[in-house]
C-alpha cells in the first residue's frame, strides 16, 4: 500500500487497490469546507518547468466540481506532464448495485464505491498515453485513496489510465473508481504529486449513481 497524506500532519492510507477480476460473463485545510468559488493560498511560481504560456494553478487552491486546474507532475523521473483537469461529477454507489459480478476481497466488499468523472487535456509537451490520471479521493479521515483499476471492461465507470495517443493537445473524458474503506465518505478529490506539495482539491455535491436506461429496441415493421 502507498502511504500519503492530505495535510502536513495527516497520516494517509489507501484501500488495497488490487485489480478486480470478473467472475460472471466475462494538513491542513478541511476539504469539506464550503467555498463560493475557486480560492488559492499558494504561490503562483511554477513548481515544475512548463511550456511558455502555460500558467499552473497555485498550490493550495480549493476548487468546486466543474472548476478547472492546470497541474504539472512527474509520471517518471526526468519527465514532466502538464494537464488541464476538470472534475465534472461525483457519484456514489454500492458494491452490491454495480459490482456483484466481480470478485471482491472482504475489504472491498465493506467499502463504498465512488465514481469521479474528469475531463483531461494534455497542455504539456510530453506523451502521456496510458499514464494514470494523477488524482486521489479524500475520505472523512483525510486519507488519500488510489483509483481502483479493472482487469476488463467495467461499463459504469471504466477507471482506466489516459488513453493511447494522449499526446500534446489531446483531450479525454475519464471516470475513476475509488473504494472508500468501511463504507466511508468522499470528501474531496485531490491533486498531490508528492509529500511536500500543498494539495489542490475539488469539493462538491455527491450524486447517487443512476444506471443508464437501456436503449429502446426498434419496433418491428407492421405488415
Protein backbone atom coordinates (compact mmCIF):
# COMPACT_ATOMS: atom_id res chain seq x y z
CA UNK A 1 0.00 0.00 0.00
CA UNK A 2 1.13 3.55 -0.71
CA UNK A 3 1.00 5.89 2.25
CA UNK A 4 0.35 9.55 1.52
CA UNK A 5 -1.28 12.46 3.31
CA UNK A 6 -3.60 15.36 2.58
CA UNK A 7 -2.33 17.83 5.16
CA UNK A 8 1.08 18.17 6.72
CA UNK A 9 0.11 16.31 9.89
CA UNK A 10 -2.34 13.80 8.43
CA UNK A 11 -1.49 10.12 8.02
CA UNK A 12 -2.96 8.68 4.82
CA UNK A 13 -3.69 5.10 3.85
CA UNK A 14 -5.02 3.73 0.56
CA UNK A 15 -7.53 0.93 0.34
CA UNK A 16 -5.90 -2.10 -1.25
CA UNK A 17 -6.46 -1.38 -4.93
CA UNK A 18 -5.95 -4.84 -6.36
CA UNK A 19 -7.15 -5.24 -9.92
CA UNK A 20 -10.71 -6.52 -9.85
CA UNK A 21 -11.49 -9.54 -11.99
CA UNK A 22 -14.88 -10.56 -13.32
CA UNK A 23 -16.48 -13.76 -12.06
CA UNK A 24 -19.53 -13.76 -14.28
CA UNK A 25 -19.67 -13.23 -18.01
CA UNK A 26 -16.79 -12.21 -18.66
CA UNK A 27 -2.86 19.40 6.67
CA UNK A 28 -4.25 21.27 6.95
CA UNK A 29 -7.32 22.67 5.20
CA UNK A 30 -10.65 20.91 5.65
CA UNK A 31 -11.68 19.61 2.19
CA UNK A 32 -15.33 19.60 3.24
CA UNK A 33 -15.34 23.33 3.94
CA UNK A 34 -17.76 25.27 1.79
CA UNK A 35 -16.48 27.86 -0.65
CA UNK A 36 -18.27 30.19 -3.02
CA UNK A 37 -15.70 29.63 -5.74
CA UNK A 38 -12.06 28.86 -6.51
CA UNK A 39 -9.63 30.15 -3.92
CA UNK A 40 -5.91 29.72 -3.60
CA UNK A 41 -3.44 30.07 -0.79
CA UNK A 42 -0.27 29.14 -2.64
CA UNK A 43 2.36 30.83 -4.73
CA UNK A 44 1.98 31.46 -8.47
CA UNK A 45 5.63 30.46 -9.03
CA UNK A 46 5.74 27.30 -11.20
CA UNK A 47 6.80 24.30 -9.14
CA UNK A 48 7.93 22.39 -12.26
CA UNK A 49 9.13 23.59 -15.68
CA UNK A 50 6.21 24.05 -18.09
CA UNK A 51 5.88 25.32 -21.67
CA UNK A 52 5.74 29.05 -22.30
CA UNK A 53 2.21 30.37 -21.96
CA UNK A 54 1.10 27.67 -19.51
CA UNK A 55 0.04 29.04 -16.13
CA UNK A 56 -0.15 26.49 -13.35
CA UNK A 57 -2.89 26.59 -10.73
CA UNK A 58 -1.19 27.60 -7.44
CA UNK A 59 -0.63 25.00 -4.77
CA UNK A 60 -3.29 25.03 -2.07
CA UNK A 61 -6.10 26.07 -4.43
CA UNK A 62 -9.60 24.97 -3.36
CA UNK A 63 -11.97 24.27 -6.25
CA UNK A 64 -15.56 23.24 -6.76
CA UNK A 65 -16.82 20.47 -9.04
CA UNK A 66 -16.89 22.00 -12.51
CA UNK A 67 -13.78 24.13 -11.95
CA UNK A 68 -10.55 23.58 -13.90
CA UNK A 69 -6.96 23.33 -12.67
CA UNK A 70 -3.74 23.22 -14.67
CA UNK A 71 -1.24 20.95 -12.94
CA UNK A 72 2.25 19.61 -13.53
CA UNK A 73 3.72 16.36 -12.24
CA UNK A 74 6.45 13.83 -12.96
CA UNK A 75 5.00 10.48 -14.10
CA UNK A 76 8.58 9.24 -14.07
CA UNK A 77 11.98 10.74 -13.40
CA UNK A 78 13.01 13.47 -15.86
CA UNK A 79 9.56 13.53 -17.48
CA UNK A 80 7.14 16.37 -16.75
CA UNK A 81 3.48 16.09 -17.67
CA UNK A 82 1.13 19.06 -17.71
CA UNK A 83 -2.63 18.52 -17.57
CA UNK A 84 -5.72 20.66 -17.58
CA UNK A 85 -8.12 18.80 -15.27
CA UNK A 86 -11.79 19.45 -14.61
CA UNK A 87 -13.66 17.29 -12.09
CA UNK A 88 -17.14 17.27 -13.63
CA UNK A 89 -19.20 14.92 -11.44
CA UNK A 90 -19.04 12.87 -8.22
CA UNK A 91 -21.24 9.78 -7.81
CA UNK A 92 -21.86 7.30 -5.00
CA UNK A 93 -22.98 3.71 -5.46
CA UNK A 94 -22.76 0.33 -3.67
CA UNK A 95 -20.75 -2.80 -4.40
CA UNK A 96 -23.97 -4.80 -4.48
CA UNK A 97 -25.53 -2.48 -7.03
CA UNK A 98 -22.66 -2.18 -9.51
CA UNK A 99 -20.04 -4.84 -8.68
CA UNK A 100 -22.00 -8.02 -7.97
CA UNK A 101 -20.33 -9.77 -10.92
CA UNK A 102 -16.81 -9.02 -9.69
CA UNK A 103 -14.55 -10.89 -7.31
CA UNK A 104 -14.11 -8.60 -4.31
CA UNK A 105 -11.97 -9.01 -1.23
CA UNK A 106 -13.77 -8.70 2.13
CA UNK A 107 -12.18 -5.28 2.50
CA UNK A 108 -13.53 -4.16 -0.88
CA UNK A 109 -16.99 -5.55 -0.12
CA UNK A 110 -17.06 -3.38 3.03
CA UNK A 111 -16.26 -0.25 1.03
CA UNK A 112 -18.40 2.38 -0.64
CA UNK A 113 -17.57 2.92 -4.35
CA UNK A 114 -17.40 6.44 -5.73
CA UNK A 115 -17.22 7.39 -9.40
CA UNK A 116 -15.22 10.54 -10.20
CA UNK A 117 -15.70 11.97 -13.69
CA UNK A 118 -12.82 14.04 -15.06
CA UNK A 119 -12.19 15.96 -18.28
CA UNK A 120 -8.47 15.97 -19.08
CA UNK A 121 -6.39 17.82 -21.67
CA UNK A 122 -2.68 17.43 -22.34
CA UNK A 123 -1.32 21.01 -22.30
CA UNK A 124 2.32 20.00 -21.97
CA UNK A 125 4.92 18.72 -24.41
CA UNK A 126 5.10 15.02 -23.46
CA UNK A 127 3.16 11.94 -24.49
CA UNK A 128 1.04 10.84 -21.51
CA UNK A 129 -0.52 7.81 -23.21
CA UNK A 130 -1.52 5.05 -20.76
CA UNK A 131 -0.41 7.13 -17.77
CA UNK A 132 -2.66 7.07 -14.68
CA UNK A 133 -4.70 10.19 -14.00
CA UNK A 134 -2.86 11.80 -11.04
CA UNK A 135 -5.85 12.28 -8.75
CA UNK A 136 -6.80 10.82 -5.37
CA UNK A 137 -10.05 10.66 -3.45
CA UNK A 138 -10.06 12.00 0.11
CA UNK A 139 -12.26 10.33 2.73
CA UNK A 140 -13.61 11.52 6.06
CA UNK A 141 -10.31 10.71 7.80
CA UNK A 142 -8.22 12.75 5.31
CA UNK A 143 -6.89 9.54 3.77
CA UNK A 144 -5.84 9.62 0.12
CA UNK A 145 -7.36 6.73 -1.84
CA UNK A 146 -5.97 5.46 -5.12
CA UNK A 147 -8.24 4.73 -8.07
CA UNK A 148 -9.12 1.05 -8.46
CA UNK A 149 -8.37 -0.50 -11.89
CA UNK A 150 -10.29 -3.33 -13.53
CA UNK A 151 -8.96 -6.31 -15.45
CA UNK A 152 -11.66 -5.97 -18.09
CA UNK A 153 -14.38 -3.56 -19.09
CA UNK A 154 -16.41 -2.05 -16.26
CA UNK A 155 -19.21 -0.24 -18.04
CA UNK A 156 -20.47 2.04 -15.23
CA UNK A 157 -17.02 3.63 -14.76
CA UNK A 158 -14.07 2.15 -16.71
CA UNK A 159 -11.39 3.51 -14.30
CA UNK A 160 -8.66 3.36 -16.92
CA UNK A 161 -5.47 5.38 -17.47
CA UNK A 162 -5.29 8.15 -20.03
CA UNK A 163 -5.96 6.71 -23.49
CA UNK A 164 -3.46 5.71 -26.16
CA UNK A 165 -2.47 8.68 -28.27
CA UNK A 166 -2.76 11.17 -25.38
CA UNK A 167 -0.15 13.42 -26.94
CA UNK A 168 0.11 17.23 -26.60
CA UNK A 169 -3.28 18.81 -27.31
CA UNK A 170 -5.25 15.58 -26.81
CA UNK A 171 -8.42 15.57 -24.70
CA UNK A 172 -10.31 12.79 -22.95
CA UNK A 173 -13.21 12.24 -20.56
CA UNK A 174 -12.39 9.62 -17.93
CA UNK A 175 -14.20 8.06 -14.99
CA UNK A 176 -12.27 6.75 -11.97
CA UNK A 177 -13.48 4.34 -9.26
CA UNK A 178 -12.43 4.92 -5.64
CA UNK A 179 -13.33 2.48 -2.86
CA UNK A 180 -13.75 4.23 0.50
CA UNK A 181 -12.95 1.78 3.35
CA UNK A 182 -15.60 0.81 5.90
CA UNK A 183 -18.39 2.45 3.89
CA UNK A 184 -16.68 5.81 4.26
CA UNK A 185 -17.50 9.08 2.56
CA UNK A 186 -15.92 11.04 -0.29
CA UNK A 187 -14.96 14.50 0.96
CA UNK A 188 -12.77 15.78 -1.88
CA UNK A 189 -10.71 14.92 -4.94
CA UNK A 190 -7.05 15.80 -4.54
CA UNK A 191 -4.05 16.50 -6.75
CA UNK A 192 -0.93 15.92 -4.68
CA UNK A 193 2.02 14.52 -6.64
CA UNK A 194 4.42 14.36 -3.69
CA UNK A 195 4.59 14.78 0.07
CA UNK A 196 5.71 18.42 0.25
CA UNK A 197 3.09 19.63 -2.25
CA UNK A 198 0.27 21.74 -0.81
CA UNK A 199 -2.67 19.89 -2.41
CA UNK A 200 -5.11 21.26 -4.92
CA UNK A 201 -8.54 19.78 -4.37
CA UNK A 202 -12.13 19.81 -5.56
CA UNK A 203 -15.26 19.55 -3.41
CA UNK A 204 -18.93 19.39 -4.34
CA UNK A 205 -22.20 17.50 -4.09
CA UNK A 206 -22.02 13.73 -4.45
CA UNK A 207 -24.88 12.35 -6.52
CA UNK A 208 -26.40 8.89 -6.32
CA UNK A 209 -25.33 6.79 -9.29
CA UNK A 210 -28.21 6.02 -11.63
CA UNK A 211 -27.58 3.32 -14.28
CA UNK A 212 -28.35 4.48 -17.81
CA UNK A 213 -31.62 3.27 -19.24
CA UNK A 214 -31.23 0.58 -21.92
CA UNK A 215 -31.80 1.75 -25.44
CA UNK A 216 -35.30 1.04 -26.72
CA UNK A 217 -35.40 -1.83 -29.17
CA UNK A 218 -36.59 -0.95 -32.61
CA UNK A 219 -40.20 -1.71 -33.24
CA UNK A 220 -40.87 -4.32 -35.87
CA UNK A 221 -42.43 -3.00 -39.04
CA UNK A 222 -46.07 -3.89 -39.30
CA UNK A 223 -47.06 -5.91 -42.31
